[in-house]
Amino acid sequence: MNYRELTRKLQRLGCEFERQAKGDHEIWINTITRARTTIPNWGRRDLKLGTIRAILRDLGISRDEFRRT
């Protein structure tokens, strides 16, 4: 899963871009829980599974909820 696919799913779950971070990273926020995380914007390169799991954990989104979107 690349950056674009991930962020589209996160937006459907109530998350939004907050600000640009250092380099190619961005800060995203879950508007429901107010939890934040950093997401690398690597364009078309796939993100590692562990990175995606950490992002979901930081935002308080379960894997099942993420899969359903």
N, C-alpha and C. Protein backbone atom coordinates (compact mmCIF):
# COMPACT_ATOMS: atom_id res chain seq x y z
N MET A 1 0.85 -1.17 0.00
CA MET A 1 0.00 0.00 0.00
C MET A 1 0.90 1.24 0.00
N ASN A 2 0.61 2.17 -0.89
CA ASN A 2 1.43 3.37 -0.96
C ASN A 2 0.77 4.52 -0.18
N TYR A 3 1.43 5.66 -0.17
CA TYR A 3 0.98 6.83 0.59
C TYR A 3 -0.44 7.24 0.19
N ARG A 4 -0.69 7.32 -1.08
CA ARG A 4 -1.98 7.79 -1.57
C ARG A 4 -3.13 6.88 -1.15
N GLU A 5 -2.94 5.57 -1.27
CA GLU A 5 -3.96 4.61 -0.87
C GLU A 5 -4.23 4.70 0.63
N LEU A 6 -3.15 4.80 1.40
CA LEU A 6 -3.28 4.89 2.87
C LEU A 6 -4.04 6.14 3.28
N THR A 7 -3.66 7.28 2.75
CA THR A 7 -4.29 8.53 3.19
C THR A 7 -5.75 8.62 2.74
N ARG A 8 -6.09 8.04 1.62
CA ARG A 8 -7.51 8.02 1.20
C ARG A 8 -8.35 7.23 2.20
N LYS A 9 -7.83 6.08 2.63
CA LYS A 9 -8.56 5.28 3.62
C LYS A 9 -8.66 6.03 4.96
N LEU A 10 -7.56 6.67 5.36
CA LEU A 10 -7.57 7.41 6.62
C LEU A 10 -8.57 8.56 6.58
N GLN A 11 -8.69 9.23 5.46
CA GLN A 11 -9.65 10.32 5.34
C GLN A 11 -11.08 9.80 5.48
N ARG A 12 -11.36 8.64 4.94
CA ARG A 12 -12.69 8.03 5.09
C ARG A 12 -12.99 7.69 6.54
N LEU A 13 -11.93 7.49 7.33
CA LEU A 13 -12.10 7.15 8.74
C LEU A 13 -12.05 8.37 9.66
N GLY A 14 -12.04 9.56 9.09
CA GLY A 14 -12.10 10.78 9.88
C GLY A 14 -10.76 11.42 10.20
N CYS A 15 -9.72 11.04 9.50
CA CYS A 15 -8.40 11.63 9.73
C CYS A 15 -8.15 12.71 8.69
N GLU A 16 -7.27 13.64 9.04
CA GLU A 16 -6.94 14.69 8.08
C GLU A 16 -5.50 15.16 8.25
N PHE A 17 -4.99 15.73 7.17
CA PHE A 17 -3.64 16.29 7.15
C PHE A 17 -3.62 17.48 8.09
N GLU A 18 -2.60 17.54 8.96
CA GLU A 18 -2.48 18.67 9.87
C GLU A 18 -1.39 19.64 9.41
N ARG A 19 -0.18 19.10 9.13
CA ARG A 19 0.90 19.97 8.70
C ARG A 19 2.05 19.15 8.12
N GLN A 20 2.92 19.84 7.43
CA GLN A 20 4.13 19.23 6.88
C GLN A 20 5.15 19.10 8.01
N ALA A 21 5.83 17.99 8.06
CA ALA A 21 6.89 17.77 9.05
C ALA A 21 8.23 17.87 8.32
N LYS A 22 9.25 17.33 8.93
CA LYS A 22 10.58 17.41 8.34
C LYS A 22 10.71 16.48 7.12
N GLY A 23 11.33 17.00 6.08
CA GLY A 23 11.58 16.18 4.89
C GLY A 23 10.31 15.77 4.18
N ASP A 24 10.18 14.46 3.94
CA ASP A 24 9.02 13.95 3.21
C ASP A 24 7.95 13.38 4.14
N HIS A 25 7.92 13.80 5.38
CA HIS A 25 6.96 13.31 6.36
C HIS A 25 5.87 14.35 6.61
N GLU A 26 4.69 13.84 6.98
CA GLU A 26 3.55 14.69 7.27
C GLU A 26 2.93 14.29 8.59
N ILE A 27 2.31 15.25 9.27
CA ILE A 27 1.59 14.99 10.51
C ILE A 27 0.11 14.89 10.16
N TRP A 28 -0.50 13.78 10.55
CA TRP A 28 -1.93 13.56 10.35
C TRP A 28 -2.59 13.42 11.71
N ILE A 29 -3.87 13.81 11.79
CA ILE A 29 -4.60 13.77 13.05
C ILE A 29 -5.93 13.05 12.85
N ASN A 30 -6.30 12.27 13.85
CA ASN A 30 -7.61 11.63 13.88
C ASN A 30 -8.56 12.64 14.53
N THR A 31 -9.49 13.19 13.77
CA THR A 31 -10.36 14.25 14.28
C THR A 31 -11.31 13.76 15.37
N ILE A 32 -11.52 12.47 15.46
CA ILE A 32 -12.43 11.92 16.47
C ILE A 32 -11.70 11.79 17.81
N THR A 33 -10.51 11.21 17.80
CA THR A 33 -9.77 10.97 19.06
C THR A 33 -8.71 12.02 19.34
N ARG A 34 -8.43 12.89 18.35
CA ARG A 34 -7.38 13.92 18.44
C ARG A 34 -5.98 13.32 18.54
N ALA A 35 -5.82 12.05 18.17
CA ALA A 35 -4.52 11.39 18.17
C ALA A 35 -3.76 11.79 16.91
N ARG A 36 -2.43 11.88 17.03
CA ARG A 36 -1.59 12.29 15.90
C ARG A 36 -0.57 11.22 15.55
N THR A 37 -0.12 11.27 14.30
CA THR A 37 0.94 10.39 13.85
C THR A 37 1.70 11.03 12.70
N THR A 38 2.86 10.48 12.43
CA THR A 38 3.67 10.94 11.31
C THR A 38 3.59 9.90 10.20
N ILE A 39 3.35 10.38 8.98
CA ILE A 39 3.24 9.49 7.82
C ILE A 39 4.29 9.90 6.79
N PRO A 40 5.13 8.94 6.35
CA PRO A 40 6.09 9.28 5.30
C PRO A 40 5.39 9.37 3.94
N ASN A 41 5.67 10.41 3.20
CA ASN A 41 5.10 10.58 1.87
C ASN A 41 6.15 10.14 0.85
N TRP A 42 6.14 8.86 0.53
CA TRP A 42 7.12 8.28 -0.38
C TRP A 42 6.57 8.13 -1.79
N GLY A 43 5.49 8.83 -2.08
CA GLY A 43 4.91 8.76 -3.42
C GLY A 43 4.37 7.39 -3.74
N ARG A 44 4.87 6.80 -4.81
CA ARG A 44 4.35 5.51 -5.27
C ARG A 44 5.01 4.31 -4.60
N ARG A 45 6.08 4.54 -3.83
CA ARG A 45 6.74 3.42 -3.14
C ARG A 45 5.82 2.88 -2.04
N ASP A 46 5.78 1.56 -1.91
CA ASP A 46 4.95 0.94 -0.89
C ASP A 46 5.53 1.18 0.50
N LEU A 47 4.62 1.43 1.45
CA LEU A 47 5.01 1.55 2.84
C LEU A 47 5.12 0.16 3.44
N LYS A 48 6.01 -0.03 4.37
CA LYS A 48 6.18 -1.33 5.02
C LYS A 48 4.98 -1.60 5.91
N LEU A 49 4.65 -2.88 6.07
CA LEU A 49 3.51 -3.30 6.87
C LEU A 49 3.64 -2.81 8.30
N GLY A 50 4.83 -2.87 8.86
CA GLY A 50 5.05 -2.41 10.23
C GLY A 50 4.80 -0.92 10.38
N THR A 51 5.13 -0.15 9.36
CA THR A 51 4.88 1.29 9.38
C THR A 51 3.38 1.57 9.37
N ILE A 52 2.64 0.86 8.54
CA ILE A 52 1.19 1.04 8.47
C ILE A 52 0.55 0.65 9.79
N ARG A 53 0.99 -0.44 10.38
CA ARG A 53 0.44 -0.87 11.69
C ARG A 53 0.72 0.17 12.77
N ALA A 54 1.91 0.76 12.77
CA ALA A 54 2.26 1.79 13.76
C ALA A 54 1.39 3.03 13.56
N ILE A 55 1.14 3.40 12.32
CA ILE A 55 0.28 4.56 12.04
C ILE A 55 -1.12 4.32 12.57
N LEU A 56 -1.67 3.14 12.31
CA LEU A 56 -3.01 2.81 12.79
C LEU A 56 -3.06 2.80 14.31
N ARG A 57 -2.04 2.24 14.94
CA ARG A 57 -1.97 2.20 16.40
C ARG A 57 -1.93 3.62 16.97
N ASP A 58 -1.10 4.47 16.39
CA ASP A 58 -0.98 5.86 16.86
C ASP A 58 -2.31 6.61 16.75
N LEU A 59 -3.06 6.34 15.68
CA LEU A 59 -4.32 7.04 15.44
C LEU A 59 -5.50 6.39 16.15
N GLY A 60 -5.30 5.23 16.76
CA GLY A 60 -6.38 4.55 17.48
C GLY A 60 -7.38 3.89 16.55
N ILE A 61 -6.93 3.39 15.42
CA ILE A 61 -7.79 2.73 14.44
C ILE A 61 -7.44 1.24 14.43
N SER A 62 -8.46 0.40 14.57
CA SER A 62 -8.21 -1.05 14.56
C SER A 62 -7.98 -1.52 13.13
N ARG A 63 -7.30 -2.65 13.01
CA ARG A 63 -7.04 -3.22 11.67
C ARG A 63 -8.32 -3.60 10.97
N ASP A 64 -9.28 -4.15 11.73
CA ASP A 64 -10.56 -4.54 11.13
C ASP A 64 -11.29 -3.33 10.58
N GLU A 65 -11.32 -2.25 11.35
CA GLU A 65 -11.97 -1.03 10.91
C GLU A 65 -11.30 -0.49 9.64
N PHE A 66 -9.98 -0.57 9.60
CA PHE A 66 -9.21 -0.10 8.45
C PHE A 66 -9.50 -0.95 7.22
N ARG A 67 -9.58 -2.26 7.39
CA ARG A 67 -9.85 -3.17 6.26
C ARG A 67 -11.22 -2.95 5.66
N ARG A 68 -12.20 -2.59 6.50
CA ARG A 68 -13.59 -2.41 6.04
C ARG A 68 -13.77 -1.19 5.15
N THR A 69 -12.84 -0.25 5.17
CA THR A 69 -13.01 0.97 4.37
C THR A 69 -12.45 0.81 2.98
